[in-house]
N, C-alpha and C. Protein backbone atom coordinates (compact mmCIF):
# COMPACT_ATOMS: atom_id res chain seq x y z
N MET A 1 -6.40 -2.90 -19.88
CA MET A 1 -5.36 -1.89 -19.88
C MET A 1 -4.08 -2.52 -19.36
N SER A 2 -3.09 -2.62 -20.20
CA SER A 2 -1.80 -3.14 -19.82
C SER A 2 -0.88 -1.99 -19.45
N THR A 3 -0.14 -2.16 -18.38
CA THR A 3 0.70 -1.08 -17.87
C THR A 3 2.07 -1.62 -17.53
N SER A 4 3.12 -1.02 -18.07
CA SER A 4 4.46 -1.41 -17.66
C SER A 4 4.92 -0.45 -16.57
N ALA A 5 5.85 -0.92 -15.76
CA ALA A 5 6.36 -0.10 -14.66
C ALA A 5 7.01 1.18 -15.16
N LYS A 6 7.52 1.16 -16.39
CA LYS A 6 8.16 2.35 -16.94
C LYS A 6 7.18 3.51 -17.10
N ARG A 7 5.90 3.18 -17.27
CA ARG A 7 4.89 4.22 -17.48
C ARG A 7 4.04 4.46 -16.24
N VAL A 8 4.55 4.03 -15.10
CA VAL A 8 3.83 4.20 -13.84
C VAL A 8 4.67 5.07 -12.92
N SER A 9 4.02 6.03 -12.31
CA SER A 9 4.70 6.84 -11.29
C SER A 9 4.16 6.44 -9.93
N ILE A 10 4.98 6.66 -8.91
CA ILE A 10 4.58 6.34 -7.55
C ILE A 10 4.45 7.65 -6.79
N ARG A 11 3.33 7.80 -6.09
CA ARG A 11 3.14 8.99 -5.28
C ARG A 11 2.38 8.62 -4.01
N PRO A 12 2.51 9.46 -2.99
CA PRO A 12 1.71 9.22 -1.77
C PRO A 12 0.22 9.43 -2.06
N ILE A 13 -0.60 8.77 -1.29
CA ILE A 13 -2.04 8.96 -1.38
C ILE A 13 -2.37 10.42 -1.08
N ASP A 14 -3.42 10.92 -1.70
CA ASP A 14 -3.94 12.24 -1.37
C ASP A 14 -4.79 12.07 -0.10
N THR A 15 -4.27 12.52 1.02
CA THR A 15 -4.94 12.28 2.30
C THR A 15 -6.30 12.95 2.41
N LYS A 16 -6.59 13.88 1.50
CA LYS A 16 -7.90 14.56 1.51
C LYS A 16 -8.89 13.91 0.54
N SER A 17 -8.43 12.90 -0.21
CA SER A 17 -9.29 12.26 -1.20
C SER A 17 -9.99 11.04 -0.63
N GLU A 18 -11.27 11.21 -0.33
CA GLU A 18 -12.05 10.08 0.17
C GLU A 18 -12.11 8.95 -0.85
N GLN A 19 -12.11 9.30 -2.12
CA GLN A 19 -12.14 8.29 -3.19
C GLN A 19 -10.88 7.42 -3.14
N GLU A 20 -9.73 8.03 -2.96
CA GLU A 20 -8.48 7.26 -2.90
C GLU A 20 -8.44 6.41 -1.63
N ILE A 21 -8.88 6.96 -0.52
CA ILE A 21 -8.91 6.20 0.74
C ILE A 21 -9.82 4.99 0.61
N GLN A 22 -11.00 5.17 0.02
CA GLN A 22 -11.92 4.05 -0.17
C GLN A 22 -11.35 3.01 -1.13
N LEU A 23 -10.69 3.46 -2.18
CA LEU A 23 -10.10 2.53 -3.14
C LEU A 23 -9.01 1.68 -2.47
N VAL A 24 -8.18 2.30 -1.65
CA VAL A 24 -7.14 1.56 -0.95
C VAL A 24 -7.77 0.52 -0.03
N ALA A 25 -8.80 0.89 0.70
CA ALA A 25 -9.48 -0.05 1.60
C ALA A 25 -10.09 -1.22 0.81
N GLN A 26 -10.72 -0.91 -0.32
CA GLN A 26 -11.31 -1.97 -1.15
C GLN A 26 -10.23 -2.93 -1.64
N ARG A 27 -9.10 -2.38 -2.00
CA ARG A 27 -8.03 -3.23 -2.53
C ARG A 27 -7.32 -4.00 -1.41
N MET A 28 -7.36 -3.48 -0.20
CA MET A 28 -6.87 -4.27 0.93
C MET A 28 -7.71 -5.54 1.06
N LYS A 29 -9.01 -5.38 0.89
CA LYS A 29 -9.90 -6.54 0.96
C LYS A 29 -9.60 -7.51 -0.19
N LEU A 30 -9.36 -6.98 -1.40
CA LEU A 30 -9.03 -7.84 -2.53
C LEU A 30 -7.73 -8.61 -2.29
N THR A 31 -6.78 -7.97 -1.61
CA THR A 31 -5.54 -8.67 -1.26
C THR A 31 -5.84 -9.84 -0.33
N LEU A 32 -6.69 -9.60 0.67
CA LEU A 32 -7.08 -10.69 1.58
C LEU A 32 -7.77 -11.82 0.83
N ILE A 33 -8.62 -11.49 -0.11
CA ILE A 33 -9.32 -12.51 -0.90
C ILE A 33 -8.32 -13.29 -1.76
N ASP A 34 -7.35 -12.57 -2.37
CA ASP A 34 -6.31 -13.25 -3.16
C ASP A 34 -5.53 -14.24 -2.32
N VAL A 35 -5.21 -13.87 -1.08
CA VAL A 35 -4.37 -14.70 -0.23
C VAL A 35 -5.17 -15.80 0.48
N LEU A 36 -6.34 -15.46 1.00
CA LEU A 36 -7.10 -16.38 1.85
C LEU A 36 -8.26 -17.07 1.15
N GLY A 37 -8.60 -16.63 -0.05
CA GLY A 37 -9.78 -17.15 -0.73
C GLY A 37 -10.98 -16.26 -0.45
N LYS A 38 -11.99 -16.39 -1.29
CA LYS A 38 -13.15 -15.48 -1.21
C LYS A 38 -13.87 -15.54 0.14
N THR A 39 -14.13 -16.73 0.64
CA THR A 39 -14.90 -16.85 1.88
C THR A 39 -14.15 -16.26 3.07
N ASP A 40 -12.92 -16.72 3.30
CA ASP A 40 -12.17 -16.25 4.46
C ASP A 40 -11.70 -14.81 4.29
N GLY A 41 -11.25 -14.46 3.09
CA GLY A 41 -10.76 -13.10 2.85
C GLY A 41 -11.84 -12.05 2.98
N SER A 42 -13.08 -12.41 2.62
CA SER A 42 -14.20 -11.46 2.68
C SER A 42 -14.68 -11.20 4.10
N LYS A 43 -14.53 -12.18 4.97
CA LYS A 43 -15.10 -12.02 6.32
C LYS A 43 -14.07 -11.67 7.40
N LEU A 44 -12.78 -11.63 7.05
CA LEU A 44 -11.76 -11.38 8.07
C LEU A 44 -11.92 -10.01 8.72
N TYR A 45 -12.11 -8.97 7.90
CA TYR A 45 -12.29 -7.61 8.41
C TYR A 45 -13.50 -6.98 7.74
N THR A 46 -14.21 -6.12 8.48
CA THR A 46 -15.33 -5.40 7.88
C THR A 46 -14.79 -4.29 6.98
N ASP A 47 -15.64 -3.83 6.08
CA ASP A 47 -15.25 -2.71 5.21
C ASP A 47 -14.93 -1.47 6.04
N GLN A 48 -15.67 -1.24 7.11
CA GLN A 48 -15.43 -0.09 7.96
C GLN A 48 -14.07 -0.20 8.65
N TRP A 49 -13.73 -1.39 9.13
CA TRP A 49 -12.43 -1.59 9.77
C TRP A 49 -11.31 -1.28 8.79
N LEU A 50 -11.45 -1.72 7.55
CA LEU A 50 -10.41 -1.46 6.54
C LEU A 50 -10.28 0.03 6.25
N LEU A 51 -11.41 0.73 6.15
CA LEU A 51 -11.37 2.19 5.97
C LEU A 51 -10.67 2.86 7.15
N ASP A 52 -11.03 2.44 8.35
CA ASP A 52 -10.41 3.01 9.54
C ASP A 52 -8.92 2.72 9.58
N ARG A 53 -8.52 1.56 9.10
CA ARG A 53 -7.10 1.19 9.09
C ARG A 53 -6.32 2.05 8.10
N VAL A 54 -6.89 2.34 6.95
CA VAL A 54 -6.23 3.24 6.00
C VAL A 54 -6.06 4.60 6.66
N ARG A 55 -7.12 5.10 7.26
CA ARG A 55 -7.06 6.41 7.91
C ARG A 55 -6.05 6.42 9.05
N TRP A 56 -5.94 5.32 9.78
CA TRP A 56 -4.96 5.20 10.86
C TRP A 56 -3.55 5.40 10.32
N HIS A 57 -3.26 4.77 9.18
CA HIS A 57 -1.94 4.91 8.57
C HIS A 57 -1.66 6.34 8.10
N LEU A 58 -2.70 7.12 7.88
CA LEU A 58 -2.53 8.48 7.39
C LEU A 58 -2.30 9.50 8.50
N GLN A 59 -2.44 9.09 9.73
CA GLN A 59 -2.21 9.99 10.86
C GLN A 59 -0.70 10.24 11.00
N PRO A 60 -0.28 11.51 11.09
CA PRO A 60 1.15 11.83 11.13
C PRO A 60 1.92 11.11 12.25
N GLU A 61 1.30 10.91 13.39
CA GLU A 61 2.00 10.25 14.49
C GLU A 61 2.31 8.78 14.21
N GLN A 62 1.72 8.20 13.19
CA GLN A 62 1.98 6.80 12.87
C GLN A 62 3.28 6.59 12.08
N LYS A 63 3.83 7.65 11.54
CA LYS A 63 5.04 7.57 10.71
C LYS A 63 4.86 6.44 9.68
N ALA A 64 3.88 6.63 8.82
CA ALA A 64 3.52 5.64 7.82
C ALA A 64 3.29 6.33 6.49
N GLU A 65 3.23 5.53 5.44
CA GLU A 65 3.00 6.05 4.10
C GLU A 65 2.14 5.07 3.31
N VAL A 66 1.19 5.62 2.57
CA VAL A 66 0.41 4.85 1.61
C VAL A 66 0.84 5.35 0.24
N LEU A 67 1.45 4.47 -0.53
CA LEU A 67 1.96 4.82 -1.85
C LEU A 67 1.05 4.26 -2.93
N LEU A 68 0.84 5.03 -3.98
CA LEU A 68 -0.02 4.62 -5.09
C LEU A 68 0.79 4.56 -6.38
N ALA A 69 0.52 3.55 -7.19
CA ALA A 69 1.10 3.44 -8.53
C ALA A 69 0.07 4.00 -9.51
N ILE A 70 0.47 5.03 -10.26
CA ILE A 70 -0.45 5.77 -11.12
C ILE A 70 0.04 5.70 -12.56
N THR A 71 -0.88 5.40 -13.49
CA THR A 71 -0.52 5.38 -14.91
C THR A 71 -0.52 6.79 -15.47
N GLU A 72 0.00 6.91 -16.69
CA GLU A 72 -0.01 8.20 -17.39
C GLU A 72 -1.44 8.70 -17.58
N GLN A 73 -2.42 7.79 -17.63
CA GLN A 73 -3.83 8.16 -17.78
C GLN A 73 -4.49 8.44 -16.42
N ASN A 74 -3.68 8.48 -15.37
CA ASN A 74 -4.13 8.78 -14.01
C ASN A 74 -4.99 7.67 -13.40
N HIS A 75 -4.75 6.43 -13.81
CA HIS A 75 -5.43 5.27 -13.20
C HIS A 75 -4.55 4.73 -12.08
N ILE A 76 -5.15 4.43 -10.96
CA ILE A 76 -4.43 3.83 -9.84
C ILE A 76 -4.40 2.32 -10.07
N VAL A 77 -3.20 1.78 -10.31
CA VAL A 77 -3.08 0.36 -10.63
C VAL A 77 -2.38 -0.44 -9.53
N GLY A 78 -1.97 0.24 -8.47
CA GLY A 78 -1.33 -0.47 -7.37
C GLY A 78 -1.18 0.40 -6.15
N GLN A 79 -0.85 -0.25 -5.03
CA GLN A 79 -0.67 0.46 -3.78
C GLN A 79 0.21 -0.35 -2.86
N ALA A 80 0.86 0.35 -1.95
CA ALA A 80 1.65 -0.29 -0.90
C ALA A 80 1.49 0.55 0.36
N ILE A 81 1.48 -0.12 1.50
CA ILE A 81 1.40 0.57 2.78
C ILE A 81 2.60 0.14 3.62
N VAL A 82 3.29 1.12 4.17
CA VAL A 82 4.49 0.87 4.96
C VAL A 82 4.49 1.81 6.16
N ARG A 83 5.12 1.38 7.25
CA ARG A 83 5.26 2.25 8.41
C ARG A 83 6.55 1.92 9.14
N ILE A 84 6.98 2.85 9.97
CA ILE A 84 8.17 2.66 10.79
C ILE A 84 7.71 2.23 12.18
N GLU A 85 8.32 1.16 12.70
CA GLU A 85 8.03 0.67 14.04
C GLU A 85 9.33 0.44 14.78
N GLN A 86 9.23 0.05 16.05
CA GLN A 86 10.40 -0.29 16.85
C GLN A 86 10.23 -1.69 17.41
N ASP A 87 11.34 -2.44 17.43
CA ASP A 87 11.29 -3.76 18.05
C ASP A 87 11.50 -3.62 19.57
N SER A 88 11.57 -4.72 20.27
CA SER A 88 11.65 -4.69 21.73
C SER A 88 12.94 -4.05 22.24
N GLN A 89 13.96 -3.93 21.37
CA GLN A 89 15.22 -3.29 21.77
C GLN A 89 15.31 -1.87 21.22
N GLU A 90 14.16 -1.34 20.80
CA GLU A 90 14.02 0.03 20.29
C GLU A 90 14.80 0.29 19.01
N VAL A 91 15.02 -0.76 18.23
CA VAL A 91 15.62 -0.62 16.91
C VAL A 91 14.47 -0.37 15.93
N THR A 92 14.61 0.68 15.11
CA THR A 92 13.53 1.00 14.17
C THR A 92 13.60 0.10 12.95
N PHE A 93 12.43 -0.24 12.44
CA PHE A 93 12.38 -1.05 11.22
C PHE A 93 11.18 -0.64 10.38
N GLY A 94 11.31 -0.86 9.09
CA GLY A 94 10.21 -0.61 8.17
C GLY A 94 9.29 -1.81 8.16
N HIS A 95 8.05 -1.59 8.51
CA HIS A 95 7.05 -2.67 8.50
C HIS A 95 6.21 -2.53 7.24
N PHE A 96 6.42 -3.46 6.33
CA PHE A 96 5.69 -3.47 5.08
C PHE A 96 4.35 -4.12 5.35
N SER A 97 3.28 -3.33 5.28
CA SER A 97 1.96 -3.79 5.68
C SER A 97 1.24 -4.55 4.57
N THR A 98 1.16 -3.97 3.39
CA THR A 98 0.41 -4.62 2.32
C THR A 98 0.82 -4.06 0.96
N ILE A 99 0.56 -4.86 -0.06
CA ILE A 99 0.77 -4.43 -1.43
C ILE A 99 -0.38 -4.99 -2.27
N TYR A 100 -0.78 -4.22 -3.26
CA TYR A 100 -1.80 -4.68 -4.21
C TYR A 100 -1.46 -4.11 -5.57
N VAL A 101 -1.56 -4.97 -6.59
CA VAL A 101 -1.43 -4.54 -7.98
C VAL A 101 -2.65 -5.10 -8.71
N SER A 102 -3.33 -4.24 -9.48
CA SER A 102 -4.53 -4.68 -10.19
C SER A 102 -4.15 -5.83 -11.15
N PRO A 103 -5.05 -6.79 -11.32
CA PRO A 103 -4.74 -7.97 -12.12
C PRO A 103 -4.17 -7.67 -13.51
N GLU A 104 -4.69 -6.66 -14.19
CA GLU A 104 -4.22 -6.36 -15.54
C GLU A 104 -2.82 -5.75 -15.56
N SER A 105 -2.33 -5.34 -14.40
CA SER A 105 -1.00 -4.71 -14.32
C SER A 105 0.04 -5.61 -13.64
N ARG A 106 -0.34 -6.84 -13.33
CA ARG A 106 0.59 -7.77 -12.68
C ARG A 106 1.59 -8.33 -13.68
N LYS A 107 2.73 -8.70 -13.16
CA LYS A 107 3.83 -9.29 -13.95
C LYS A 107 4.41 -8.31 -14.96
N LEU A 108 4.26 -7.02 -14.68
CA LEU A 108 4.78 -5.98 -15.56
C LEU A 108 5.78 -5.07 -14.83
N GLY A 109 6.12 -5.43 -13.60
CA GLY A 109 7.10 -4.65 -12.86
C GLY A 109 6.50 -3.60 -11.93
N VAL A 110 5.18 -3.48 -11.90
CA VAL A 110 4.55 -2.46 -11.06
C VAL A 110 4.82 -2.75 -9.58
N GLY A 111 4.65 -4.00 -9.17
CA GLY A 111 4.91 -4.37 -7.78
C GLY A 111 6.35 -4.14 -7.38
N GLN A 112 7.27 -4.46 -8.28
CA GLN A 112 8.69 -4.22 -8.00
C GLN A 112 8.96 -2.73 -7.84
N HIS A 113 8.36 -1.93 -8.70
CA HIS A 113 8.52 -0.48 -8.62
C HIS A 113 7.98 0.04 -7.28
N LEU A 114 6.83 -0.46 -6.85
CA LEU A 114 6.29 -0.08 -5.54
C LEU A 114 7.25 -0.48 -4.42
N MET A 115 7.78 -1.69 -4.48
CA MET A 115 8.70 -2.17 -3.44
C MET A 115 9.96 -1.33 -3.37
N GLU A 116 10.48 -0.92 -4.52
CA GLU A 116 11.66 -0.05 -4.54
C GLU A 116 11.37 1.27 -3.83
N GLN A 117 10.17 1.80 -4.04
CA GLN A 117 9.79 3.06 -3.39
C GLN A 117 9.55 2.86 -1.90
N VAL A 118 9.03 1.69 -1.51
CA VAL A 118 8.87 1.36 -0.09
C VAL A 118 10.24 1.35 0.58
N GLU A 119 11.20 0.67 -0.04
CA GLU A 119 12.56 0.62 0.52
C GLU A 119 13.17 2.01 0.63
N LYS A 120 13.01 2.80 -0.40
CA LYS A 120 13.53 4.17 -0.40
C LYS A 120 12.90 4.97 0.74
N TRP A 121 11.58 4.87 0.89
CA TRP A 121 10.88 5.59 1.94
C TRP A 121 11.40 5.16 3.32
N CYS A 122 11.60 3.85 3.51
CA CYS A 122 12.10 3.36 4.79
C CYS A 122 13.48 3.94 5.10
N CYS A 123 14.35 3.97 4.11
CA CYS A 123 15.69 4.54 4.31
C CYS A 123 15.61 6.02 4.63
N GLU A 124 14.74 6.73 3.95
CA GLU A 124 14.59 8.17 4.19
C GLU A 124 13.97 8.47 5.56
N ASN A 125 13.33 7.48 6.15
CA ASN A 125 12.66 7.67 7.43
C ASN A 125 13.35 6.90 8.57
N SER A 126 14.65 6.78 8.43
CA SER A 126 15.52 6.27 9.51
C SER A 126 15.22 4.84 9.96
N SER A 127 14.85 4.00 9.02
CA SER A 127 14.64 2.61 9.34
C SER A 127 15.98 1.88 9.37
N ASP A 128 16.23 1.12 10.45
CA ASP A 128 17.47 0.34 10.53
C ASP A 128 17.43 -0.89 9.64
N TYR A 129 16.23 -1.42 9.45
CA TYR A 129 16.04 -2.55 8.54
C TYR A 129 14.58 -2.63 8.14
N ILE A 130 14.29 -3.47 7.15
CA ILE A 130 12.91 -3.62 6.65
C ILE A 130 12.45 -5.04 6.93
């Protein structure tokens, strides 16, 4: 399935959807494998830790967002996680945690579309910088 960014919409994760939460956690692991290789990426964090981390980002007090890239056929082909933090001088900044785009949707602008929405979200949430 090939997907261009023009046919992908970005929306927040459904915080009540266990299926979406599990998919995001699984893809966090795939990101680690892409970056670190299969051996190191697979053993860095447990599956439970990744699930707990997704849920942590969904807590309102974290001031975070999990964004999903969705095709017209309602397939989730990408995700990004971002949150607002403060540095040691109490300046707020957008902390871009992770991004994942499914292999068949890479190099089609989906990641760029996600990043644009991350930047927009940071600006809307009073981030001084990203």
